[in-house]
Amino acid sequence: KRAMRTEGYDAGRGASRKRVREGEGEREKEDDDAERNNTTKAGEDSVVGTDAEGAEGGEAEGTRGAAEKEKRGKRRRTDPLRRAREEAERLKAEQEEIAAEKERRRKEESRKQHGRKVRAKKLMKRTRRGQPVMKNVIGDMLDRIKSEVGEG
């Protein structure tokens, strides 16, 4: 713990938390930034970073990597909820399609029901003597023949 304290780290809180002393604030921030960018401090022999080339690239590799990142720009994050949104949109479209189909069937059934009601009313009409009105009966027969010929 003492050794870590002399190096400027808070002992017992993880090695990555460096203490900032008064007067050293700006220099410490610059040093931390340099360490984060995997560049070496002046006068050090060791190379910080995970370069495949080893110690040959050193500082030049770090600056070239930063330049390449600037060229490419920011990488766009993938949306973690994209798949769920697509699934929700698909389900919503299916529900709308089902609702439209139900509405169409309901209207069709309503139209058919109305037609049956009108036809039944015509065929139920009677003369004063209780006989069916022949005009309506013959007209109904003609309509049925026309519909059968139209289908076949």
Protein backbone atom coordinates (compact mmCIF):
# COMPACT_ATOMS: atom_id res chain seq x y z
CA LYS A 1 0.00 0.00 0.00
CA ARG A 2 2.83 2.39 0.83
CA ALA A 3 4.53 1.76 -2.48
CA MET A 4 1.31 2.47 -4.32
CA ARG A 5 0.78 5.66 -2.30
CA THR A 6 4.27 6.91 -3.17
CA GLU A 7 3.51 6.29 -6.85
CA GLY A 8 0.37 8.41 -6.55
CA TYR A 9 -2.31 5.71 -6.51
CA ASP A 10 -5.06 5.27 -3.92
CA ALA A 11 -4.27 2.03 -2.16
CA GLY A 12 -7.16 -0.38 -1.77
CA ARG A 13 -9.34 1.22 -4.45
CA GLY A 14 -7.93 -0.42 -7.52
CA ALA A 15 -4.66 0.39 -9.26
CA SER A 16 -6.30 2.48 -11.96
CA ARG A 17 -7.46 5.29 -9.66
CA LYS A 18 -4.66 7.78 -9.44
CA ARG A 19 -4.68 10.49 -6.79
CA VAL A 20 -4.59 14.10 -7.93
CA ARG A 21 -2.49 16.36 -5.75
CA GLU A 22 -2.75 20.11 -5.64
CA GLY A 23 -0.55 21.81 -8.24
CA GLU A 24 -0.15 18.60 -10.23
CA GLY A 25 -3.68 18.61 -11.63
CA GLU A 26 -2.91 19.70 -15.19
CA ARG A 27 0.27 17.66 -15.53
CA GLU A 28 -1.47 14.55 -14.16
CA LYS A 29 -4.35 14.96 -16.60
CA GLU A 30 -1.90 15.21 -19.50
CA ASP A 31 -0.06 12.11 -18.26
CA ASP A 32 -3.34 10.20 -17.93
CA ASP A 33 -4.37 11.24 -21.43
CA ALA A 34 -1.03 10.11 -22.79
CA GLU A 35 -1.38 6.72 -21.08
CA ARG A 36 -4.88 6.27 -22.43
CA ASN A 37 -3.68 6.95 -25.98
CA ASN A 38 -1.00 4.25 -25.60
CA THR A 39 1.87 6.67 -26.16
CA THR A 40 5.07 6.68 -24.14
CA LYS A 41 6.31 9.44 -21.84
CA ALA A 42 9.63 11.07 -22.61
CA GLY A 43 12.52 9.28 -20.94
CA GLU A 44 10.83 5.90 -20.51
CA ASP A 45 12.26 2.82 -22.13
CA SER A 46 9.13 0.70 -22.06
CA VAL A 47 6.46 0.90 -24.72
CA VAL A 48 2.85 1.01 -23.63
CA GLY A 49 0.37 -0.57 -26.03
CA THR A 50 -0.46 -3.78 -27.78
CA ASP A 51 1.35 -3.35 -31.07
CA ALA A 52 2.01 -6.44 -33.18
CA GLU A 53 5.28 -4.94 -34.40
CA GLY A 54 6.67 -4.56 -30.91
CA ALA A 55 8.82 -1.65 -29.73
CA GLU A 56 9.79 -0.52 -33.27
CA GLY A 57 6.54 1.39 -33.93
CA GLY A 58 6.23 3.02 -30.51
CA GLU A 59 4.94 6.55 -30.69
CA ALA A 60 4.53 6.64 -34.46
CA GLU A 61 2.03 3.78 -34.38
CA GLY A 62 -0.07 5.52 -31.74
CA THR A 63 -0.31 8.72 -33.75
CA ARG A 64 -0.99 6.88 -36.99
CA GLY A 65 -3.80 4.93 -35.31
CA ALA A 66 -5.37 8.18 -34.11
CA ALA A 67 -5.14 9.63 -37.62
CA GLU A 68 -6.82 6.55 -39.09
CA LYS A 69 -9.64 6.80 -36.57
CA GLU A 70 -10.17 10.45 -37.53
CA LYS A 71 -10.39 9.48 -41.21
CA ARG A 72 -12.99 6.81 -40.57
CA GLY A 73 -15.04 8.99 -38.28
CA LYS A 74 -17.22 7.73 -35.49
CA ARG A 75 -18.45 4.18 -35.68
CA ARG A 76 -22.18 3.98 -35.39
CA ARG A 77 -23.44 1.89 -32.54
CA THR A 78 -25.71 -0.96 -33.37
CA ASP A 79 -29.17 -0.51 -31.96
CA PRO A 80 -29.69 -3.16 -29.26
CA LEU A 81 -33.45 -2.94 -29.69
CA ARG A 82 -33.45 -3.09 -33.49
CA ARG A 83 -34.57 -6.70 -33.67
CA ALA A 84 -37.33 -6.13 -31.12
CA ARG A 85 -38.54 -3.04 -33.01
CA GLU A 86 -38.61 -4.93 -36.31
CA GLU A 87 -40.53 -7.77 -34.67
CA ALA A 88 -42.99 -5.28 -33.14
CA GLU A 89 -43.49 -3.56 -36.51
CA ARG A 90 -44.06 -6.92 -38.20
CA LEU A 91 -46.60 -7.96 -35.56
CA LYS A 92 -48.36 -4.59 -35.80
CA ALA A 93 -48.59 -4.92 -39.60
CA GLU A 94 -50.02 -8.44 -39.22
CA GLN A 95 -52.58 -7.21 -36.68
CA GLU A 96 -53.64 -4.37 -39.01
CA GLU A 97 -53.95 -6.83 -41.89
CA ILE A 98 -56.09 -9.18 -39.77
CA ALA A 99 -58.28 -6.27 -38.62
CA ALA A 100 -58.77 -5.07 -42.23
CA GLU A 101 -59.71 -8.61 -43.31
CA LYS A 102 -62.24 -8.90 -40.44
CA GLU A 103 -63.78 -5.55 -41.37
CA ARG A 104 -64.04 -6.60 -45.03
CA ARG A 105 -65.74 -9.89 -44.08
CA ARG A 106 -68.12 -8.09 -41.72
CA LYS A 107 -69.17 -5.64 -44.47
CA GLU A 108 -69.61 -8.48 -46.97
CA GLU A 109 -71.76 -10.45 -44.51
CA SER A 110 -73.82 -7.35 -43.76
CA ARG A 111 -74.42 -6.76 -47.48
CA LYS A 112 -75.48 -10.38 -48.01
CA GLN A 113 -77.79 -10.26 -44.98
CA HIS A 114 -79.46 -7.12 -46.34
CA GLY A 115 -79.94 -8.77 -49.77
CA ARG A 116 -81.56 -11.86 -48.19
CA LYS A 117 -83.86 -9.68 -46.13
CA VAL A 118 -85.04 -7.69 -49.20
CA ARG A 119 -85.55 -10.90 -51.22
CA ALA A 120 -87.52 -12.56 -48.43
CA LYS A 121 -89.72 -9.46 -48.06
CA LYS A 122 -90.55 -9.50 -51.81
CA LEU A 123 -91.36 -13.21 -51.81
CA MET A 124 -93.59 -12.89 -48.72
CA LYS A 125 -95.87 -10.33 -50.41
CA ARG A 126 -99.36 -11.67 -51.09
CA THR A 127 -102.39 -10.64 -53.05
CA ARG A 128 -105.76 -9.94 -51.40
CA ARG A 129 -106.72 -13.56 -51.93
CA GLY A 130 -103.48 -14.82 -50.24
CA GLN A 131 -101.64 -15.85 -53.40
CA PRO A 132 -97.95 -14.87 -53.89
CA VAL A 133 -97.34 -11.87 -56.16
CA MET A 134 -96.27 -13.53 -59.43
CA LYS A 135 -94.22 -10.52 -60.56
CA ASN A 136 -91.87 -10.96 -57.58
CA VAL A 137 -91.66 -14.77 -57.86
CA ILE A 138 -90.85 -14.70 -61.59
CA GLY A 139 -88.33 -11.84 -61.10
CA ASP A 140 -86.57 -13.87 -58.39
CA MET A 141 -86.41 -16.95 -60.66
CA LEU A 142 -84.98 -14.81 -63.45
CA ASP A 143 -82.32 -13.36 -61.13
CA ARG A 144 -81.28 -16.85 -59.96
CA ILE A 145 -81.00 -18.09 -63.58
CA LYS A 146 -78.90 -15.04 -64.52
CA SER A 147 -76.55 -15.56 -61.58
CA GLU A 148 -76.11 -19.29 -62.42
CA VAL A 149 -75.35 -18.52 -66.07
CA GLY A 150 -72.93 -15.76 -65.03
CA GLU A 151 -71.02 -18.16 -62.72
CA GLY A 152 -70.85 -21.07 -65.16
